[in-house]
PDB file of all heavy atoms in Angstrom:
ATOM      1  N   PRO A   1      37.501-103.306  41.474  1.00  0.00           N
ATOM      2  CA  PRO A   1      37.893-101.883  41.328  1.00  0.00           C
ATOM      3  C   PRO A   1      36.755-100.971  41.729  1.00  0.00           C
ATOM      4  O   PRO A   1      36.991 -99.896  42.282  1.00  0.00           O
ATOM      5  CB  PRO A   1      38.292-101.809  39.929  1.00  0.00           C
ATOM      6  CG  PRO A   1      38.782-103.166  39.502  1.00  0.00           C
ATOM      7  CD  PRO A   1      37.942-104.109  40.244  1.00  0.00           C
ATOM      8  N   ARG A   2      35.489-101.337  41.369  1.00  0.00           N
ATOM      9  CA  ARG A   2      34.434-100.519  41.739  1.00  0.00           C
ATOM     10  C   ARG A   2      34.233-100.388  43.273  1.00  0.00           C
ATOM     11  O   ARG A   2      34.031 -99.279  43.775  1.00  0.00           O
ATOM     12  CB  ARG A   2      33.121-101.089  41.104  1.00  0.00           C
ATOM     13  CG  ARG A   2      32.911-100.784  39.657  1.00  0.00           C
ATOM     14  CD  ARG A   2      31.622-101.458  39.155  1.00  0.00           C
ATOM     15  NE  ARG A   2      30.503-100.859  39.837  1.00  0.00           N
ATOM     16  CZ  ARG A   2      29.221-101.342  39.559  1.00  0.00           C
ATOM     17  NH1 ARG A   2      29.002-102.340  38.745  1.00  0.00           N
ATOM     18  NH2 ARG A   2      28.190-100.768  40.252  1.00  0.00           N
ATOM     19  N   MET A   3      34.385-101.537  43.901  1.00  0.00           N
ATOM     20  CA  MET A   3      34.262-101.524  45.352  1.00  0.00           C
ATOM     21  C   MET A   3      35.456-100.716  45.966  1.00  0.00           C
ATOM     22  O   MET A   3      35.273 -99.953  46.993  1.00  0.00           O
ATOM     23  CB  MET A   3      34.234-102.894  45.962  1.00  0.00           C
ATOM     24  CG  MET A   3      34.107-102.965  47.424  1.00  0.00           C
ATOM     25  SD  MET A   3      34.011-104.584  48.175  1.00  0.00           S
ATOM     26  CE  MET A   3      32.391-105.053  47.861  1.00  0.00           C
ATOM     27  N   VAL A   4      36.647-100.846  45.456  1.00  0.00           N
ATOM     28  CA  VAL A   4      37.827-100.084  45.943  1.00  0.00           C
ATOM     29  C   VAL A   4      37.547 -98.619  45.867  1.00  0.00           C
ATOM     30  O   VAL A   4      37.817 -97.881  46.790  1.00  0.00           O
ATOM     31  CB  VAL A   4      39.050-100.521  45.196  1.00  0.00           C
ATOM     32  CG1 VAL A   4      40.161 -99.502  45.522  1.00  0.00           C
ATOM     33  CG2 VAL A   4      39.502-101.912  45.540  1.00  0.00           C
ATOM     34  N   HIS A   5      37.035 -98.202  44.674  1.00  0.00           N
ATOM     35  CA  HIS A   5      36.665 -96.791  44.526  1.00  0.00           C
ATOM     36  C   HIS A   5      35.635 -96.389  45.544  1.00  0.00           C
ATOM     37  O   HIS A   5      35.797 -95.312  46.180  1.00  0.00           O
ATOM     38  CB  HIS A   5      36.111 -96.591  43.105  1.00  0.00           C
ATOM     39  CG  HIS A   5      35.721 -95.162  42.828  1.00  0.00           C
ATOM     40  ND1 HIS A   5      36.648 -94.133  42.689  1.00  0.00           N
ATOM     41  CD2 HIS A   5      34.488 -94.569  42.696  1.00  0.00           C
ATOM     42  CE1 HIS A   5      35.993 -92.979  42.440  1.00  0.00           C
ATOM     43  NE2 HIS A   5      34.668 -93.254  42.434  1.00  0.00           N
ATOM     44  N   GLY A   6      34.615 -97.147  45.711  1.00  0.00           N
ATOM     45  CA  GLY A   6      33.553 -96.767  46.752  1.00  0.00           C
ATOM     46  C   GLY A   6      34.137 -96.752  48.183  1.00  0.00           C
ATOM     47  O   GLY A   6      33.804 -95.902  49.003  1.00  0.00           O
ATOM     48  N   LEU A   7      34.998 -97.676  48.446  1.00  0.00           N
ATOM     49  CA  LEU A   7      35.619 -97.739  49.863  1.00  0.00           C
ATOM     50  C   LEU A   7      36.520 -96.555  50.062  1.00  0.00           C
ATOM     51  O   LEU A   7      36.556 -96.026  51.203  1.00  0.00           O
ATOM     52  CB  LEU A   7      36.292 -99.097  50.004  1.00  0.00           C
ATOM     53  CG  LEU A   7      36.909 -99.397  51.385  1.00  0.00           C
ATOM     54  CD1 LEU A   7      35.853 -99.198  52.453  1.00  0.00           C
ATOM     55  CD2 LEU A   7      37.368-100.844  51.396  1.00  0.00           C
ATOM     56  N   LEU A   8      37.318 -96.177  49.060  1.00  0.00           N
ATOM     57  CA  LEU A   8      38.193 -95.006  49.164  1.00  0.00           C
ATOM     58  C   LEU A   8      37.299 -93.735  49.425  1.00  0.00           C
ATOM     59  O   LEU A   8      37.683 -92.895  50.233  1.00  0.00           O
ATOM     60  CB  LEU A   8      38.962 -94.826  47.888  1.00  0.00           C
ATOM     61  CG  LEU A   8      40.240 -95.810  47.746  1.00  0.00           C
ATOM     62  CD1 LEU A   8      40.810 -95.646  46.340  1.00  0.00           C
ATOM     63  CD2 LEU A   8      41.264 -95.407  48.778  1.00  0.00           C
ATOM     64  N   GLU A   9      36.205 -93.670  48.731  1.00  0.00           N
ATOM     65  CA  GLU A   9      35.330 -92.474  48.983  1.00  0.00           C
ATOM     66  C   GLU A   9      34.699 -92.544  50.315  1.00  0.00           C
ATOM     67  O   GLU A   9      34.606 -91.416  50.954  1.00  0.00           O
ATOM     68  CB  GLU A   9      34.220 -92.496  47.878  1.00  0.00           C
ATOM     69  CG  GLU A   9      34.698 -92.066  46.520  1.00  0.00           C
ATOM     70  CD  GLU A   9      33.562 -91.766  45.570  1.00  0.00           C
ATOM     71  OE1 GLU A   9      32.501 -92.444  45.703  1.00  0.00           O
ATOM     72  OE2 GLU A   9      33.626 -90.795  44.795  1.00  0.00           O
ATOM     73  N   ALA A  10      34.337 -93.714  50.784  1.00  0.00           N
ATOM     74  CA  ALA A  10      33.745 -93.777  52.155  1.00  0.00           C
ATOM     75  C   ALA A  10      34.745 -93.431  53.190  1.00  0.00           C
ATOM     76  O   ALA A  10      34.445 -92.789  54.206  1.00  0.00           O
ATOM     77  CB  ALA A  10      33.163 -95.190  52.347  1.00  0.00           C
ATOM     78  N   LEU A  11      35.977 -93.943  53.114  1.00  0.00           N
ATOM     79  CA  LEU A  11      37.085 -93.618  54.033  1.00  0.00           C
ATOM     80  C   LEU A  11      37.365 -92.120  54.054  1.00  0.00           C
ATOM     81  O   LEU A  11      37.569 -91.538  55.102  1.00  0.00           O
ATOM     82  CB  LEU A  11      38.314 -94.424  53.685  1.00  0.00           C
ATOM     83  CG  LEU A  11      38.213 -95.926  53.958  1.00  0.00           C
ATOM     84  CD1 LEU A  11      39.488 -96.660  53.387  1.00  0.00           C
ATOM     85  CD2 LEU A  11      38.200 -96.190  55.481  1.00  0.00           C
ATOM     86  N   ALA A  12      37.358 -91.501  52.860  1.00  0.00           N
ATOM     87  CA  ALA A  12      37.594 -90.091  52.779  1.00  0.00           C
ATOM     88  C   ALA A  12      36.449 -89.276  53.493  1.00  0.00           C
ATOM     89  O   ALA A  12      36.685 -88.267  54.165  1.00  0.00           O
ATOM     90  CB  ALA A  12      37.730 -89.663  51.364  1.00  0.00           C
ATOM     91  N   PHE A  13      35.239 -89.745  53.278  1.00  0.00           N
ATOM     92  CA  PHE A  13      34.129 -89.109  53.949  1.00  0.00           C
ATOM     93  C   PHE A  13      34.223 -89.250  55.441  1.00  0.00           C
ATOM     94  O   PHE A  13      33.986 -88.303  56.191  1.00  0.00           O
ATOM     95  CB  PHE A  13      32.810 -89.798  53.460  1.00  0.00           C
ATOM     96  CG  PHE A  13      31.536 -89.123  53.948  1.00  0.00           C
ATOM     97  CD1 PHE A  13      30.994 -88.005  53.328  1.00  0.00           C
ATOM     98  CD2 PHE A  13      30.876 -89.620  55.107  1.00  0.00           C
ATOM     99  CE1 PHE A  13      29.855 -87.387  53.760  1.00  0.00           C
ATOM    100  CE2 PHE A  13      29.758 -88.985  55.534  1.00  0.00           C
ATOM    101  CZ  PHE A  13      29.235 -87.836  54.886  1.00  0.00           C
ATOM    102  N   ALA A  14      34.591 -90.386  55.937  1.00  0.00           N
ATOM    103  CA  ALA A  14      34.768 -90.606  57.361  1.00  0.00           C
ATOM    104  C   ALA A  14      35.910 -89.772  57.862  1.00  0.00           C
ATOM    105  O   ALA A  14      35.831 -89.271  59.047  1.00  0.00           O
ATOM    106  CB  ALA A  14      35.010 -92.089  57.643  1.00  0.00           C
ATOM    107  N   ASN A  15      36.933 -89.637  57.105  1.00  0.00           N
ATOM    108  CA  ASN A  15      38.079 -88.929  57.575  1.00  0.00           C
ATOM    109  C   ASN A  15      37.997 -87.377  57.543  1.00  0.00           C
ATOM    110  O   ASN A  15      38.745 -86.653  58.079  1.00  0.00           O
ATOM    111  CB  ASN A  15      39.323 -89.283  56.602  1.00  0.00           C
ATOM    112  CG  ASN A  15      40.602 -89.385  57.336  1.00  0.00           C
ATOM    113  OD1 ASN A  15      40.638 -89.734  58.514  1.00  0.00           O
ATOM    114  ND2 ASN A  15      41.686 -89.122  56.708  1.00  0.00           N
ATOM    115  N   ASP A  16      36.926 -86.920  56.844  1.00  0.00           N
ATOM    116  CA  ASP A  16      36.635 -85.435  56.760  1.00  0.00           C
ATOM    117  C   ASP A  16      36.205 -84.956  58.175  1.00  0.00           C
ATOM    118  O   ASP A  16      35.165 -85.347  58.660  1.00  0.00           O
ATOM    119  CB  ASP A  16      35.573 -85.224  55.713  1.00  0.00           C
ATOM    120  CG  ASP A  16      35.311 -83.748  55.474  1.00  0.00           C
ATOM    121  OD1 ASP A  16      35.564 -82.898  56.393  1.00  0.00           O
ATOM    122  OD2 ASP A  16      34.879 -83.382  54.409  1.00  0.00           O
ATOM    123  N   LYS A  17      36.987 -84.126  58.733  1.00  0.00           N
ATOM    124  CA  LYS A  17      36.728 -83.719  60.100  1.00  0.00           C
ATOM    125  C   LYS A  17      35.357 -82.977  60.251  1.00  0.00           C
ATOM    126  O   LYS A  17      34.702 -82.980  61.306  1.00  0.00           O
ATOM    127  CB  LYS A  17      37.843 -82.812  60.669  1.00  0.00           C
ATOM    128  CG  LYS A  17      39.154 -83.543  60.927  1.00  0.00           C
ATOM    129  CD  LYS A  17      40.234 -82.626  61.453  1.00  0.00           C
ATOM    130  CE  LYS A  17      41.460 -83.448  61.875  1.00  0.00           C
ATOM    131  NZ  LYS A  17      42.006 -84.240  60.794  1.00  0.00           N
ATOM    132  N   GLY A  18      34.942 -82.430  59.102  1.00  0.00           N
ATOM    133  CA  GLY A  18      33.633 -81.677  59.136  1.00  0.00           C
ATOM    134  C   GLY A  18      32.389 -82.632  59.333  1.00  0.00           C
ATOM    135  O   GLY A  18      31.324 -82.169  59.753  1.00  0.00           O
ATOM    136  N   ASN A  19      32.708 -83.934  59.164  1.00  0.00           N
ATOM    137  CA  ASN A  19      31.601 -84.918  59.285  1.00  0.00           C
ATOM    138  C   ASN A  19      31.458 -85.456  60.698  1.00  0.00           C
ATOM    139  O   ASN A  19      30.524 -86.177  61.045  1.00  0.00           O
ATOM    140  CB  ASN A  19      31.695 -86.005  58.326  1.00  0.00           C
ATOM    141  CG  ASN A  19      31.479 -85.535  56.884  1.00  0.00           C
ATOM    142  OD1 ASN A  19      30.635 -84.698  56.611  1.00  0.00           O
ATOM    143  ND2 ASN A  19      32.284 -86.004  55.920  1.00  0.00           N
ATOM    144  N   GLY A  20      32.446 -85.139  61.560  1.00  0.00           N
ATOM    145  CA  GLY A  20      32.386 -85.398  63.009  1.00  0.00           C
ATOM    146  C   GLY A  20      32.664 -86.820  63.424  1.00  0.00           C
ATOM    147  O   GLY A  20      32.346 -87.197  64.589  1.00  0.00           O
ATOM    148  N   PHE A  21      33.271 -87.657  62.586  1.00  0.00           N
ATOM    149  CA  PHE A  21      33.555 -88.988  62.966  1.00  0.00           C
ATOM    150  C   PHE A  21      34.963 -89.064  63.698  1.00  0.00           C
ATOM    151  O   PHE A  21      35.909 -88.367  63.350  1.00  0.00           O
ATOM    152  CB  PHE A  21      33.559 -89.983  61.787  1.00  0.00           C
ATOM    153  CG  PHE A  21      32.224 -90.020  61.115  1.00  0.00           C
ATOM    154  CD1 PHE A  21      32.007 -89.579  59.834  1.00  0.00           C
ATOM    155  CD2 PHE A  21      31.128 -90.588  61.846  1.00  0.00           C
ATOM    156  CE1 PHE A  21      30.753 -89.729  59.269  1.00  0.00           C
ATOM    157  CE2 PHE A  21      29.885 -90.643  61.274  1.00  0.00           C
ATOM    158  CZ  PHE A  21      29.703 -90.227  59.959  1.00  0.00           C
ATOM    159  N   ARG A  22      35.018 -90.056  64.640  1.00  0.00           N
ATOM    160  CA  ARG A  22      36.259 -90.215  65.419  1.00  0.00           C
ATOM    161  C   ARG A  22      36.678 -91.665  65.534  1.00  0.00           C
ATOM    162  O   ARG A  22      37.713 -91.966  66.187  1.00  0.00           O
ATOM    163  CB  ARG A  22      36.161 -89.530  66.800  1.00  0.00           C
ATOM    164  CG  ARG A  22      36.039 -88.019  66.735  1.00  0.00           C
ATOM    165  CD  ARG A  22      35.658 -87.373  68.012  1.00  0.00           C
ATOM    166  NE  ARG A  22      36.553 -87.642  69.048  1.00  0.00           N
ATOM    167  CZ  ARG A  22      36.331 -87.341  70.353  1.00  0.00           C
ATOM    168  NH1 ARG A  22      35.222 -86.661  70.677  1.00  0.00           N
ATOM    169  NH2 ARG A  22      37.234 -87.637  71.303  1.00  0.00           N
ATOM    170  N   ALA A  23      36.002 -92.589  64.851  1.00  0.00           N
ATOM    171  CA  ALA A  23      36.383 -93.976  64.753  1.00  0.00           C
ATOM    172  C   ALA A  23      35.635 -94.569  63.605  1.00  0.00           C
ATOM    173  O   ALA A  23      34.537 -94.103  63.258  1.00  0.00           O
ATOM    174  CB  ALA A  23      36.062 -94.680  66.079  1.00  0.00           C
ATOM    175  N   VAL A  24      36.137 -95.640  63.061  1.00  0.00           N
ATOM    176  CA  VAL A  24      35.508 -96.402  61.950  1.00  0.00           C
ATOM    177  C   VAL A  24      35.413 -97.820  62.263  1.00  0.00           C
ATOM    178  O   VAL A  24      36.383 -98.433  62.802  1.00  0.00           O
ATOM    179  CB  VAL A  24      36.345 -96.152  60.679  1.00  0.00           C
ATOM    180  CG1 VAL A  24      35.847 -97.092  59.516  1.00  0.00           C
ATOM    181  CG2 VAL A  24      36.313 -94.665  60.220  1.00  0.00           C
ATOM    182  N   VAL A  25      34.244 -98.435  61.879  1.00  0.00           N
ATOM    183  CA  VAL A  25      34.082 -99.917  61.899  1.00  0.00           C
ATOM    184  C   VAL A  25      33.981-100.292  60.452  1.00  0.00           C
ATOM    185  O   VAL A  25      33.257 -99.698  59.742  1.00  0.00           O
ATOM    186  CB  VAL A  25      32.870-100.312  62.689  1.00  0.00           C
ATOM    187  CG1 VAL A  25      32.600-101.775  62.448  1.00  0.00           C
ATOM    188  CG2 VAL A  25      33.002 -99.987  64.117  1.00  0.00           C
ATOM    189  N   LEU A  26      34.690-101.352  60.014  1.00  0.00           N
ATOM    190  CA  LEU A  26      34.600-101.892  58.674  1.00  0.00           C
ATOM    191  C   LEU A  26      34.040-103.318  58.753  1.00  0.00           C
ATOM    192  O   LEU A  26      34.658-104.187  59.444  1.00  0.00           O
ATOM    193  CB  LEU A  26      35.901-101.819  57.957  1.00  0.00           C
ATOM    194  CG  LEU A  26      35.950-102.438  56.546  1.00  0.00           C
ATOM    195  CD1 LEU A  26      35.056-101.625  55.608  1.00  0.00           C
ATOM    196  CD2 LEU A  26      37.354-102.423  56.021  1.00  0.00           C
ATOM    197  N   THR A  27      32.993-103.640  58.027  1.00  0.00           N
ATOM    198  CA  THR A  27      32.467-104.975  58.077  1.00  0.00           C
ATOM    199  C   THR A  27      31.875-105.306  56.727  1.00  0.00           C
ATOM    200  O   THR A  27      32.000-104.517  55.755  1.00  0.00           O
ATOM    201  CB  THR A  27      31.390-105.107  59.203  1.00  0.00           C
ATOM    202  OG1 THR A  27      31.022-106.495  59.353  1.00  0.00           O
ATOM    203  CG2 THR A  27      30.136-104.339  58.802  1.00  0.00           C
ATOM    204  N   GLY A  28      31.316-106.510  56.544  1.00  0.00           N
ATOM    205  CA  GLY A  28      30.758-106.977  55.309  1.00  0.00           C
ATOM    206  C   GLY A  28      29.283-107.223  55.409  1.00  0.00           C
ATOM    207  O   GLY A  28      28.761-107.714  56.412  1.00  0.00           O
ATOM    208  N   GLU A  29      28.569-106.919  54.347  1.00  0.00           N
ATOM    209  CA  GLU A  29      27.138-107.191  54.235  1.00  0.00           C
ATOM    210  C   GLU A  29      26.894-108.737  53.929  1.00  0.00           C
ATOM    211  O   GLU A  29      27.632-109.321  53.188  1.00  0.00           O
ATOM    212  CB  GLU A  29      26.477-106.397  53.097  1.00  0.00           C
ATOM    213  CG  GLU A  29      24.981-106.601  52.959  1.00  0.00           C
ATOM    214  CD  GLU A  29      24.216-105.915  54.081  1.00  0.00           C
ATOM    215  OE1 GLU A  29      24.742-104.961  54.658  1.00  0.00           O
ATOM    216  OE2 GLU A  29      23.083-106.267  54.246  1.00  0.00           O
ATOM    217  N   GLY A  30      25.926-109.306  54.578  1.00  0.00           N
ATOM    218  CA  GLY A  30      25.572-110.655  54.309  1.00  0.00           C
ATOM    219  C   GLY A  30      26.403-111.686  55.002  1.00  0.00           C
ATOM    220  O   GLY A  30      26.735-111.493  56.206  1.00  0.00           O
ATOM    221  N   ARG A  31      26.721-112.788  54.350  1.00  0.00           N
ATOM    222  CA  ARG A  31      27.262-113.920  55.057  1.00  0.00           C
ATOM    223  C   ARG A  31      28.814-113.953  55.110  1.00  0.00           C
ATOM    224  O   ARG A  31      29.388-114.945  55.517  1.00  0.00           O
ATOM    225  CB  ARG A  31      26.807-115.247  54.339  1.00  0.00           C
ATOM    226  CG  ARG A  31      27.150-115.317  52.910  1.00  0.00           C
ATOM    227  CD  ARG A  31      26.460-116.506  52.257  1.00  0.00           C
ATOM    228  NE  ARG A  31      26.733-116.634  50.844  1.00  0.00           N
ATOM    229  CZ  ARG A  31      27.751-117.322  50.334  1.00  0.00           C
ATOM    230  NH1 ARG A  31      28.550-117.985  51.064  1.00  0.00           N
ATOM    231  NH2 ARG A  31      27.913-117.340  48.969  1.00  0.00           N
ATOM    232  N   GLY A  32      29.503-112.897  54.627  1.00  0.00           N
ATOM    233  CA  GLY A  32      30.958-112.918  54.710  1.00  0.00           C
ATOM    234  C   GLY A  32      31.541-111.518  54.676  1.00  0.00           C
ATOM    235  O   GLY A  32      30.884-110.557  54.176  1.00  0.00           O
ATOM    236  N   PHE A  33      32.761-111.372  55.174  1.00  0.00           N
ATOM    237  CA  PHE A  33      33.432-110.108  55.083  1.00  0.00           C
ATOM    238  C   PHE A  33      33.867-109.843  53.694  1.00  0.00           C
ATOM    239  O   PHE A  33      33.480-108.868  53.075  1.00  0.00           O
ATOM    240  CB  PHE A  33      34.656-110.117  56.075  1.00  0.00           C
ATOM    241  CG  PHE A  33      35.408-108.885  56.154  1.00  0.00           C
ATOM    242  CD1 PHE A  33      34.979-107.783  56.915  1.00  0.00           C
ATOM    243  CD2 PHE A  33      36.593-108.764  55.340  1.00  0.00           C
ATOM    244  CE1 PHE A  33      35.736-106.636  56.938  1.00  0.00           C
ATOM    245  CE2 PHE A  33      37.322-107.532  55.394  1.00  0.00           C
ATOM    246  CZ  PHE A  33      36.877-106.471  56.195  1.00  0.00           C
ATOM    247  N   SER A  34      34.728-110.762  53.131  1.00  0.00           N
ATOM    248  CA  SER A  34      35.133-110.642  51.738  1.00  0.00           C
ATOM    249  C   SER A  34      35.757-111.924  51.299  1.00  0.00           C
ATOM    250  O   SER A  34      36.618-112.474  51.979  1.00  0.00           O
ATOM    251  CB  SER A  34      36.074-109.459  51.437  1.00  0.00           C
ATOM    252  OG  SER A  34      36.589-109.479  50.150  1.00  0.00           O
ATOM    253  N   SER A  35      35.326-112.441  50.105  1.00  0.00           N
ATOM    254  CA  SER A  35      35.822-113.641  49.583  1.00  0.00           C
ATOM    255  C   SER A  35      37.126-113.474  48.776  1.00  0.00           C
ATOM    256  O   SER A  35      37.728-114.423  48.268  1.00  0.00           O
ATOM    257  CB  SER A  35      34.774-114.291  48.672  1.00  0.00           C
ATOM    258  OG  SER A  35      34.411-113.418  47.637  1.00  0.00           O
ATOM    259  N   GLY A  36      37.643-112.216  48.720  1.00  0.00           N
ATOM    260  CA  GLY A  36      38.912-111.964  48.004  1.00  0.00           C
ATOM    261  C   GLY A  36      38.662-111.095  46.737  1.00  0.00           C
ATOM    262  O   GLY A  36      37.645-110.427  46.689  1.00  0.00           O
ATOM    263  N   ALA A  37      39.568-111.168  45.837  1.00  0.00           N
ATOM    264  CA  ALA A  37      39.474-110.358  44.649  1.00  0.00           C
ATOM    265  C   ALA A  37      38.331-110.867  43.814  1.00  0.00           C
ATOM    266  O   ALA A  37      38.073-112.088  43.677  1.00  0.00           O
ATOM    267  CB  ALA A  37      40.779-110.337  43.852  1.00  0.00           C
ATOM    268  N   HIS A  38      37.606-109.943  43.098  1.00  0.00           N
ATOM    269  CA  HIS A  38      36.554-110.303  42.134  1.00  0.00           C
ATOM    270  C   HIS A  38      37.205-110.657  40.820  1.00  0.00           C
ATOM    271  O   HIS A  38      37.349-109.829  39.931  1.00  0.00           O
ATOM    272  CB  HIS A  38      35.574-109.130  41.968  1.00  0.00           C
ATOM    273  CG  HIS A  38      34.267-109.465  41.465  1.00  0.00           C
ATOM    274  ND1 HIS A  38      34.073-110.525  40.532  1.00  0.00           N
ATOM    275  CD2 HIS A  38      33.046-108.918  41.607  1.00  0.00           C
ATOM    276  CE1 HIS A  38      32.813-110.565  40.174  1.00  0.00           C
ATOM    277  NE2 HIS A  38      32.189-109.689  40.842  1.00  0.00           N
ATOM    278  N   LEU A  39      37.568-111.936  40.613  1.00  0.00           N
ATOM    279  CA  LEU A  39      38.318-112.328  39.524  1.00  0.00           C
ATOM    280  C   LEU A  39      37.600-112.242  38.171  1.00  0.00           C
ATOM    281  O   LEU A  39      38.199-112.160  37.101  1.00  0.00           O
ATOM    282  CB  LEU A  39      38.817-113.805  39.727  1.00  0.00           C
ATOM    283  CG  LEU A  39      39.708-114.067  40.975  1.00  0.00           C
ATOM    284  CD1 LEU A  39      39.991-115.501  41.116  1.00  0.00           C
ATOM    285  CD2 LEU A  39      41.002-113.220  40.871  1.00  0.00           C
ATOM    286  N   ALA A  40      36.252-112.360  38.296  1.00  0.00           N
ATOM    287  CA  ALA A  40      35.463-112.278  37.046  1.00  0.00           C
ATOM    288  C   ALA A  40      35.182-110.880  36.522  1.00  0.00           C
ATOM    289  O   ALA A  40      34.573-110.662  35.525  1.00  0.00           O
ATOM    290  CB  ALA A  40      34.148-113.004  37.220  1.00  0.00           C
ATOM    291  N   GLU A  41      35.684-109.878  37.225  1.00  0.00           N
ATOM    292  CA  GLU A  41      35.394-108.527  36.885  1.00  0.00           C
ATOM    293  C   GLU A  41      36.638-107.661  36.795  1.00  0.00           C
ATOM    294  O   GLU A  41      37.324-107.381  37.804  1.00  0.00           O
ATOM    295  CB  GLU A  41      34.476-107.864  37.970  1.00  0.00           C
ATOM    296  CG  GLU A  41      33.909-106.481  37.531  1.00  0.00           C
ATOM    297  CD  GLU A  41      32.872-106.025  38.569  1.00  0.00           C
ATOM    298  OE1 GLU A  41      31.782-106.677  38.668  1.00  0.00           O
ATOM    299  OE2 GLU A  41      33.127-105.050  39.254  1.00  0.00           O
ATOM    300  N   SER A  42      37.010-107.302  35.618  1.00  0.00           N
ATOM    301  CA  SER A  42      38.173-106.438  35.391  1.00  0.00           C
ATOM    302  C   SER A  42      37.860-105.406  34.420  1.00  0.00           C
ATOM    303  O   SER A  42      37.254-105.603  33.344  1.00  0.00           O
ATOM    304  CB  SER A  42      39.332-107.314  34.797  1.00  0.00           C
ATOM    305  OG  SER A  42      40.421-106.479  34.429  1.00  0.00           O
ATOM    306  N   PRO A  43      38.153-104.089  34.774  1.00  0.00           N
ATOM    307  CA  PRO A  43      37.854-103.014  33.843  1.00  0.00           C
ATOM    308  C   PRO A  43      38.898-102.769  32.707  1.00  0.00           C
ATOM    309  O   PRO A  43      38.671-101.961  31.850  1.00  0.00           O
ATOM    310  CB  PRO A  43      37.887-101.783  34.782  1.00  0.00           C
ATOM    311  CG  PRO A  43      38.899-102.138  35.763  1.00  0.00           C
ATOM    312  CD  PRO A  43      38.769-103.697  36.016  1.00  0.00           C
ATOM    313  N   ASP A  44      39.954-103.531  32.829  1.00  0.00           N
ATOM    314  CA  ASP A  44      41.024-103.334  31.817  1.00  0.00           C
ATOM    315  C   ASP A  44      40.886-104.276  30.669  1.00  0.00           C
ATOM    316  O   ASP A  44      40.622-105.471  30.845  1.00  0.00           O
ATOM    317  CB  ASP A  44      42.384-103.573  32.552  1.00  0.00           C
ATOM    318  CG  ASP A  44      42.585-102.607  33.668  1.00  0.00           C
ATOM    319  OD1 ASP A  44      42.167-101.438  33.564  1.00  0.00           O
ATOM    320  OD2 ASP A  44      43.113-103.030  34.728  1.00  0.00           O
TER     321      ASP A  44
END
């Protein structure tokens, strides 16, 4: 959920026309894009 929140904010920042972006690349840091849901971390 923390990453989802951060990703939503990053997408909104990219989508803000005032920031001058016209394309987005999405990738992962390190050795993988994403291993799936973070099963060990739940805020509920």
